[in-house]
Protein backbone atom coordinates (compact mmCIF):
# COMPACT_ATOMS: atom_id res chain seq x y z
CA MET A 1 84.10 -12.82 -7.74
CA ARG A 2 84.54 -14.62 -4.44
CA TYR A 3 84.05 -18.16 -5.79
CA THR A 4 84.55 -19.63 -9.25
CA PRO A 5 83.56 -23.33 -9.05
CA PHE A 6 82.78 -23.19 -12.79
CA ASP A 7 86.45 -22.69 -13.74
CA GLY A 8 87.32 -26.38 -13.91
CA SER A 9 88.50 -26.61 -10.30
CA SER A 10 85.49 -28.79 -9.45
CA LYS A 11 83.58 -31.23 -11.61
CA PRO A 12 79.85 -30.54 -12.10
CA PHE A 13 77.23 -33.12 -11.12
CA THR A 14 79.39 -34.60 -8.38
CA ILE A 15 78.92 -34.40 -4.61
CA GLY A 16 82.18 -32.50 -4.13
CA LEU A 17 82.06 -32.16 -0.35
CA LYS A 18 85.03 -30.90 1.63
CA PRO A 19 85.58 -30.20 5.34
CA MET A 20 84.52 -26.78 6.60
CA ASP A 21 85.98 -24.70 9.42
CA LEU A 22 83.12 -23.42 11.60
CA ALA A 23 84.93 -20.09 11.77
CA THR A 24 83.93 -19.62 8.11
CA TRP A 25 80.42 -21.08 8.43
CA LEU A 26 78.44 -17.87 7.85
CA GLU A 27 79.58 -15.31 5.29
CA VAL A 28 78.84 -11.61 5.62
CA ASP A 29 79.71 -8.98 3.02
CA ASP A 30 78.67 -5.54 1.75
CA ALA A 31 75.44 -6.97 0.32
CA LEU A 32 74.11 -7.87 3.78
CA GLU A 33 71.47 -5.12 3.92
CA PRO A 34 70.16 -5.65 0.34
CA TYR A 35 69.85 -9.39 0.99
CA LEU A 36 67.98 -8.87 4.25
CA ALA A 37 65.74 -6.25 2.63
CA GLU A 38 64.89 -8.71 -0.15
CA LYS A 39 64.02 -11.32 2.46
CA ASP A 40 61.73 -8.77 4.13
CA ARG A 41 59.99 -8.16 0.81
CA LEU A 42 59.52 -11.83 0.05
CA TYR A 43 58.17 -12.60 3.52
CA ALA A 44 55.66 -9.77 3.09
CA GLU A 45 54.59 -10.67 -0.46
CA LEU A 46 55.09 -14.46 -0.71
CA PRO A 47 55.15 -15.82 2.85
CA ASP A 48 53.86 -19.30 2.01
CA LYS A 49 56.39 -19.75 -0.79
CA VAL A 50 59.53 -18.90 1.18
CA PHE A 51 58.90 -20.51 4.59
CA VAL A 52 57.63 -23.94 5.60
CA GLU A 53 57.77 -25.95 8.82
CA ARG A 54 56.52 -29.13 10.37
CA GLY A 55 55.00 -28.55 13.79
CA ASP A 56 57.44 -30.89 15.51
CA THR A 57 60.56 -28.99 14.39
CA ARG A 58 60.51 -26.01 16.75
CA ASP A 59 63.21 -27.47 19.06
CA ALA A 60 65.54 -27.97 16.12
CA GLN A 61 64.71 -24.51 14.79
CA GLN A 62 65.63 -23.02 18.16
CA GLU A 63 68.91 -24.92 18.12
CA VAL A 64 69.67 -23.42 14.71
CA LEU A 65 68.86 -19.92 15.96
CA ASP A 66 71.07 -20.37 19.03
CA LEU A 67 74.01 -21.62 16.95
CA ILE A 68 73.69 -18.76 14.48
CA VAL A 69 73.50 -16.10 17.19
CA GLU A 70 76.53 -17.65 18.89
CA ASN A 71 78.50 -17.61 15.65
CA LEU A 72 77.53 -14.04 14.83
CA ALA A 73 78.54 -12.85 18.31
CA GLU A 74 81.92 -14.61 18.06
CA ARG A 75 82.79 -13.98 14.42
CA HIS A 76 80.76 -11.07 13.08
CA GLY A 77 80.67 -8.45 15.82
CA ALA A 78 81.46 -5.71 13.30
CA THR A 79 78.06 -6.15 11.62
CA HIS A 80 75.93 -7.92 14.24
CA GLY A 81 75.55 -6.58 17.76
CA VAL A 82 73.93 -9.10 20.14
CA GLU A 83 72.21 -7.07 22.84
CA GLY A 84 70.29 -9.31 25.23
CA SER A 85 67.29 -10.67 23.32
CA ASP A 86 67.92 -8.46 20.29
CA VAL A 87 70.43 -8.39 17.47
CA ARG A 88 71.31 -5.03 15.93
CA ILE A 89 72.32 -5.10 12.25
CA GLY A 90 73.05 -1.57 11.11
CA GLY A 91 69.76 0.30 11.42
CA ARG A 92 67.60 -2.78 11.94
CA ILE A 93 66.88 -4.70 15.12
CA VAL A 94 65.87 -8.38 15.09
CA SER A 95 64.10 -9.63 18.21
CA LEU A 96 65.20 -13.12 19.22
CA SER A 97 62.07 -13.53 21.34
CA ALA A 98 59.51 -12.61 18.67
CA ASP A 99 56.45 -14.85 18.50
CA VAL A 100 57.40 -16.41 15.16
CA PRO A 101 59.20 -19.66 14.24
CA PRO A 102 62.84 -19.56 15.37
CA LEU A 103 64.08 -20.52 11.91
CA LYS A 104 62.35 -17.47 10.48
CA ILE A 105 64.03 -15.27 13.09
CA ALA A 106 67.37 -16.80 12.18
CA SER A 107 66.78 -16.11 8.50
CA HIS A 108 66.49 -12.37 9.24
CA LEU A 109 70.03 -12.38 10.64
CA VAL A 110 72.01 -13.85 7.75
CA GLN A 111 72.32 -13.80 3.98
CA GLU A 112 72.08 -17.60 3.83
CA ASP A 113 68.92 -19.61 3.25
CA LEU A 114 68.30 -22.23 5.94
CA VAL A 115 66.95 -25.74 5.30
CA LEU A 116 66.32 -28.29 8.06
CA MET A 117 66.62 -32.00 7.24
CA ARG A 118 65.45 -34.86 9.51
CA LYS A 119 66.03 -38.63 9.31
CA ASP A 120 62.78 -40.51 8.73
CA VAL A 121 61.83 -44.08 7.87
CA ASP A 122 62.54 -43.47 4.17
CA GLY A 123 65.63 -41.32 4.56
CA TRP A 124 66.39 -37.67 5.18
CA ARG A 125 63.41 -35.39 4.69
CA LEU A 126 63.01 -31.61 4.28
CA VAL A 127 60.97 -30.66 7.38
CA ALA A 128 61.43 -26.89 7.68
CA ALA A 129 63.04 -24.13 5.63
CA SER A 130 63.47 -20.46 5.00
CA LEU A 131 64.22 -20.37 1.27
CA CYS A 132 64.06 -16.85 -0.08
CA PHE A 133 66.64 -17.33 -2.84
CA PRO A 134 65.87 -20.65 -4.57
CA SER A 135 67.97 -21.65 -7.56
CA SER A 136 65.28 -22.90 -9.94
CA TRP A 137 63.29 -24.99 -7.50
CA SER A 138 60.09 -24.59 -5.55
CA LEU A 139 60.08 -24.94 -1.78
CA THR A 140 56.41 -25.87 -1.72
CA GLU A 141 57.10 -28.72 -4.18
CA LYS A 142 60.03 -30.11 -2.16
CA TYR A 143 58.63 -29.62 1.35
CA ASP A 144 58.30 -32.81 3.41
CA ARG A 145 59.82 -34.91 0.63
CA ALA A 146 62.73 -37.33 0.97
CA LEU A 147 66.17 -36.26 -0.22
CA GLU A 148 66.20 -38.81 -3.06
CA ASP A 149 62.96 -37.39 -4.42
CA ILE A 150 64.15 -33.80 -4.02
CA HIS A 151 67.15 -34.69 -6.22
CA GLN A 152 65.08 -36.59 -8.79
CA PRO A 153 65.45 -33.92 -11.56
CA VAL A 154 69.26 -33.88 -11.21
CA PRO A 155 70.91 -36.20 -13.77
CA GLN A 156 72.10 -39.42 -12.03
CA PHE A 157 71.05 -38.21 -8.56
CA GLY A 158 67.45 -39.48 -8.29
CA ARG A 159 66.10 -42.34 -6.20
CA GLY A 160 67.87 -45.63 -6.80
CA THR A 161 71.05 -44.12 -8.26
CA ARG A 162 74.55 -44.59 -6.88
CA MET A 163 74.83 -40.85 -6.18
CA ALA A 164 71.62 -40.94 -4.13
CA GLU A 165 73.01 -43.80 -2.06
CA LEU A 166 76.28 -41.94 -1.49
CA ILE A 167 74.49 -38.78 -0.37
CA ALA A 168 72.25 -40.72 2.04
CA ARG A 169 75.31 -42.46 3.51
CA MET A 170 77.10 -39.13 3.88
CA PHE A 171 74.11 -37.62 5.70
CA ASP A 172 73.97 -40.65 8.01
CA LYS A 173 77.67 -40.38 8.88
CA LEU A 174 77.84 -36.61 9.32
CA GLN A 175 79.00 -35.65 12.83
CA PRO A 176 78.35 -32.37 14.71
CA GLY A 177 82.03 -31.55 14.91
CA ASN A 178 82.73 -32.17 11.23
CA PRO A 179 80.64 -29.84 9.04
CA VAL A 180 81.16 -29.86 5.28
CA GLU A 181 80.64 -27.55 2.33
CA ARG A 182 80.31 -27.71 -1.44
CA MET A 183 79.79 -25.36 -4.39
CA ASN A 184 77.29 -25.32 -7.20
CA TRP A 185 76.64 -22.96 -10.10
CA SER A 186 73.99 -22.12 -12.69
CA MET A 187 73.24 -19.40 -15.24
CA GLN A 188 70.36 -16.97 -15.52
CA GLY A 189 69.39 -14.04 -17.69
CA ASN A 190 68.66 -11.58 -14.86
CA PRO A 191 70.07 -10.55 -11.46
CA ASP A 192 67.13 -11.83 -9.38
CA LEU A 193 67.93 -13.55 -6.09
CA TYR A 194 64.45 -15.08 -5.95
CA HIS A 195 64.62 -17.47 -8.89
CA PRO A 196 62.06 -20.27 -8.42
CA LEU A 197 61.50 -21.27 -12.05
CA SER A 198 60.89 -25.00 -12.43
CA HIS A 199 63.40 -27.05 -14.40
CA ALA A 200 61.07 -27.25 -17.41
CA SER A 201 60.46 -23.51 -17.40
CA ARG A 202 64.13 -22.80 -16.94
CA ILE A 203 65.03 -24.66 -20.13
CA ASP A 204 62.77 -22.29 -22.03
CA ARG A 205 63.54 -19.11 -20.12
CA ALA A 206 67.00 -19.32 -18.56
CA GLY A 207 68.50 -17.52 -21.54
CA GLU A 208 65.62 -15.08 -21.83
CA GLY A 209 67.00 -11.75 -22.99
CA ILE A 210 70.34 -13.14 -24.20
CA ARG A 211 69.60 -15.46 -27.12
CA GLU A 212 69.56 -12.80 -29.83
CA LEU A 213 72.68 -11.01 -28.60
CA SER A 214 76.31 -10.99 -29.68
CA ALA A 215 78.97 -12.73 -27.60
CA GLN A 216 79.95 -9.39 -26.04
CA GLU A 217 76.35 -8.58 -25.18
CA VAL A 218 75.85 -12.04 -23.71
CA ALA A 219 78.83 -11.51 -21.42
CA ALA A 220 77.25 -8.30 -20.15
CA ARG A 221 73.72 -9.64 -19.64
CA ALA A 222 74.14 -13.25 -18.54
CA PHE A 223 74.56 -13.83 -14.81
CA ILE A 224 76.50 -16.58 -13.02
CA ARG A 225 74.75 -17.85 -9.91
CA VAL A 226 77.06 -19.55 -7.41
CA GLU A 227 75.73 -21.44 -4.38
CA ARG A 228 77.94 -22.07 -1.37
CA GLN A 229 76.23 -24.90 0.47
CA THR A 230 77.09 -26.12 3.97
CA LEU A 231 75.90 -29.11 5.98
CA ARG A 232 76.06 -29.14 9.77
CA LYS A 233 74.61 -31.78 12.07
CA LEU A 234 72.88 -30.25 15.07
CA PRO A 235 74.46 -31.67 18.24
CA ARG A 236 71.32 -31.65 20.40
CA THR A 237 68.46 -32.68 18.10
CA GLY A 238 70.45 -34.66 15.53
CA ASP A 239 68.82 -32.91 12.56
CA ILE A 240 70.97 -31.50 9.76
CA LEU A 241 71.06 -27.82 8.81
CA PHE A 242 71.67 -27.15 5.14
CA THR A 243 72.64 -23.53 4.38
CA ILE A 244 72.75 -21.95 0.93
CA ARG A 245 74.54 -18.67 0.25
CA ILE A 246 73.96 -17.12 -3.19
CA TYR A 247 76.50 -15.06 -5.12
CA LEU A 248 75.38 -13.38 -8.37
CA ASN A 249 77.77 -11.82 -10.89
CA PRO A 250 77.50 -10.78 -14.54
CA LEU A 251 79.46 -13.12 -16.78
CA ALA A 252 81.43 -10.08 -17.97
CA ARG A 253 82.92 -9.67 -14.48
CA ILE A 254 85.21 -12.60 -15.20
CA ALA A 255 87.27 -10.14 -17.25
CA ALA A 256 88.23 -8.33 -14.04
CA HIS A 257 89.42 -11.51 -12.30
CA ASP A 258 93.15 -11.62 -11.52
CA ASP A 259 93.36 -14.91 -13.43
CA HIS A 260 90.66 -14.22 -16.01
CA ILE A 261 92.18 -16.31 -18.82
CA ARG A 262 92.26 -19.46 -16.71
CA VAL A 263 88.75 -18.84 -15.32
CA ALA A 264 87.19 -18.03 -18.71
CA ASP A 265 88.88 -20.94 -20.50
CA GLY A 266 88.07 -23.34 -17.66
CA PHE A 267 84.41 -22.30 -17.72
CA ALA A 268 84.24 -22.67 -21.49
CA GLU A 269 85.73 -26.17 -21.27
CA GLN A 270 83.29 -27.17 -18.56
CA LEU A 271 80.31 -26.00 -20.62
CA SER A 272 81.65 -27.73 -23.73
CA SER A 273 82.04 -31.05 -21.93
CA MET A 274 78.45 -31.25 -20.62
CA ASP A 275 76.11 -33.82 -22.14
CA ARG A 276 72.56 -33.10 -23.25
CA ASP A 277 70.91 -34.11 -19.96
CA GLN A 278 73.29 -31.94 -17.95
CA LEU A 279 72.74 -28.95 -20.24
CA ALA A 280 68.99 -29.44 -20.05
CA TYR A 281 69.06 -29.52 -16.26
CA LYS A 282 71.02 -26.26 -16.16
CA GLY A 283 68.77 -24.69 -18.79
CA LEU A 284 71.60 -24.27 -21.29
CA LEU A 285 70.55 -26.36 -24.27
CA GLN A 286 69.92 -23.28 -26.41
CA ASP A 287 72.65 -21.02 -25.06
CA ARG A 288 75.75 -23.15 -24.44
CA ASP A 289 77.54 -22.28 -27.68
CA ARG A 290 76.85 -18.57 -27.34
CA LEU A 291 78.12 -18.59 -23.76
CA VAL A 292 81.26 -20.46 -24.80
CA SER A 293 81.90 -17.84 -27.49
CA ALA A 294 81.50 -15.07 -24.92
CA LEU A 295 83.97 -16.78 -22.60
CA ARG A 296 86.51 -17.30 -25.39
CA ALA A 297 86.25 -13.58 -26.20
CA ILE A 298 86.91 -12.70 -22.55
CA SER A 299 89.94 -14.99 -22.56
CA ARG A 300 91.39 -13.46 -25.74
CA ASN A 301 90.87 -9.89 -24.60
């Protein structure tokens, strides 16, 4: 497991931003080809559900593409070969001059999802996105909505809350040379990267397939979904690029962690401390106790 934000090292339902080194902006690993192949599938089967754009965002999209290609050439030459107007990734070639939205081209280069935010009269608004791996939210429902309304289902983060004001202020003050990152996590009962269930549906189905199982079986079948999120202000257009990188691991994999007792106990404590609204948002009202038991078993063994 690359990241374990659920181990007590960060508090859930907080902003939790920290400075990010641009050298670590994009993350590439052995799952690069499966992620890109899944994006190909989703674009072919569900194009309107995984990509949206406002017509006036093409300049910002191009800026995103240029920054990503520059980063890949500088930092990821082992996996990405920039050859003129093409990028070679293993056996695939991505044309940088294809007659498609630049943000869509960029999405075919990286494992991250890419969301473009723009300041409007009522705050920062989602104006374009390639979102192939949503974590229980619908791109079509959030498209062209203000940030405060996008966060409305999150406990204490909706319009008019202190957290919403803090996030808006942070977006306003973000500078091109000072990108930031944060972590988030959730649970699901399958290994799907494309996970667009609504919050209401997730409460009923997040534990699907694990509710009648023993603690040991839960540990094997429940999956931890970690999101590494970054925010970077675009120096030329002034829009903000929000990237989301998904990591999926079976809960049982905690047992192989070098510090598995601390991670398992920390996760169990974090789950135990959540209130009803927080559990409902994460779809864990029915499964919290069973998950805690599974984590305690991992810690003991």
